[in-house]
Amino acid sequence: MLDHDAALSAGMDMARAGREPWPPPAWPDVPTRYLLCRDDRFFTPDFVRRHARERLGITPDEIPGSHMAMLSRPREPADHLEHVAMPTGAPSE
């Protein structure tokens, strides 16, 4: 409900999702990554690996943690995001 309400308050047309095709004609020209949490029991690692390979054509990055790793162990996802966002060779603080 909250996402729906936020989208409406931002002026988004929620019915649009039902009318427009998915996937879009092409992926945006940005790197695509998928962060797999190895202890997730909702989206199991085998499912995620297969899904990322079949739908996105990529191998997911993996970290320890469950479905809500950003709440239960926020350091690991934050460290991973910082690592992939840094240009190669850039110093890390």
Protein backbone atom coordinates (compact mmCIF):
# COMPACT_ATOMS: atom_id res chain seq x y z
CA MET A 1 0.00 0.00 0.00
CA LEU A 2 2.72 2.47 0.87
CA ASP A 3 4.46 2.10 -2.50
CA HIS A 4 1.14 2.53 -4.28
CA ASP A 5 0.29 5.63 -2.24
CA ALA A 6 3.74 7.13 -2.78
CA ALA A 7 3.50 6.52 -6.53
CA LEU A 8 0.09 8.18 -6.68
CA SER A 9 1.29 11.19 -4.70
CA ALA A 10 4.20 11.52 -7.12
CA GLY A 11 1.72 11.71 -9.99
CA MET A 12 2.42 8.27 -11.42
CA ASP A 13 -0.30 6.42 -13.30
CA MET A 14 -0.50 3.02 -11.59
CA ALA A 15 -2.73 1.59 -14.36
CA ARG A 16 0.11 2.22 -16.82
CA ALA A 17 1.93 -0.92 -15.64
CA GLY A 18 -0.98 -3.04 -16.87
CA ARG A 19 -1.05 -1.42 -20.31
CA GLU A 20 2.60 -1.23 -21.26
CA PRO A 21 4.66 -4.27 -22.25
CA TRP A 22 7.43 -5.67 -20.13
CA PRO A 23 10.28 -6.10 -20.62
CA PRO A 24 11.08 -2.78 -22.25
CA PRO A 25 12.46 -2.87 -25.81
CA ALA A 26 16.01 -2.71 -24.41
CA TRP A 27 17.75 -2.60 -21.06
CA PRO A 28 19.03 0.83 -20.04
CA ASP A 29 22.68 1.39 -20.86
CA VAL A 30 23.83 0.93 -17.26
CA PRO A 31 25.50 -2.02 -15.54
CA THR A 32 23.01 -4.54 -14.16
CA ARG A 33 23.74 -6.52 -11.01
CA TYR A 34 21.77 -8.82 -8.75
CA LEU A 35 22.72 -9.27 -5.10
CA LEU A 36 21.86 -12.76 -3.90
CA CYS A 37 21.58 -13.39 -0.16
CA ARG A 38 22.72 -16.98 0.42
CA ASP A 39 20.48 -17.61 3.44
CA ASP A 40 17.25 -16.33 1.86
CA ARG A 41 14.46 -18.87 2.33
CA PHE A 42 11.90 -16.86 0.33
CA PHE A 43 13.92 -16.51 -2.89
CA THR A 44 16.24 -19.49 -2.59
CA PRO A 45 19.79 -19.18 -3.93
CA ASP A 46 19.15 -21.80 -6.65
CA PHE A 47 16.05 -19.90 -7.82
CA VAL A 48 17.89 -16.56 -7.82
CA ARG A 49 20.89 -17.92 -9.71
CA ARG A 50 18.62 -19.42 -12.37
CA HIS A 51 16.40 -16.33 -12.53
CA ALA A 52 19.36 -13.93 -12.87
CA ARG A 53 20.92 -16.10 -15.59
CA GLU A 54 17.68 -16.64 -17.57
CA ARG A 55 16.12 -13.20 -17.19
CA LEU A 56 19.10 -10.88 -16.90
CA GLY A 57 21.88 -12.90 -18.52
CA ILE A 58 24.15 -12.38 -15.51
CA THR A 59 25.63 -14.29 -12.60
CA PRO A 60 24.47 -12.77 -9.31
CA ASP A 61 26.86 -11.40 -6.73
CA GLU A 62 26.51 -13.28 -3.42
CA ILE A 63 26.69 -12.28 0.21
CA PRO A 64 25.71 -14.02 3.45
CA GLY A 65 22.32 -13.06 4.82
CA SER A 66 18.61 -13.70 4.64
CA HIS A 67 15.79 -12.05 2.70
CA MET A 68 16.13 -8.75 4.56
CA ALA A 69 19.92 -8.61 4.87
CA MET A 70 19.76 -4.82 4.74
CA LEU A 71 18.06 -4.98 8.15
CA SER A 72 19.67 -8.02 9.76
CA ARG A 73 23.25 -7.39 8.62
CA PRO A 74 23.38 -3.98 6.94
CA ARG A 75 27.18 -3.84 6.79
CA GLU A 76 27.48 -6.61 4.15
CA PRO A 77 25.10 -5.10 1.55
CA ALA A 78 26.52 -1.62 2.19
CA ASP A 79 30.10 -2.85 1.76
CA HIS A 80 29.15 -4.70 -1.40
CA LEU A 81 27.38 -1.67 -2.91
CA GLU A 82 30.34 0.54 -2.07
CA HIS A 83 32.70 -1.98 -3.67
CA VAL A 84 30.77 -2.27 -6.96
CA ALA A 85 30.17 1.48 -7.17
CA MET A 86 33.87 2.35 -6.87
CA PRO A 87 35.77 2.71 -10.12
CA THR A 88 38.50 0.11 -10.39
CA GLY A 89 41.60 1.23 -8.57
CA ALA A 90 39.90 4.02 -6.65
CA PRO A 91 40.89 4.19 -3.00
CA SER A 92 38.30 3.07 -0.47
CA GLU A 93 37.86 5.08 2.72
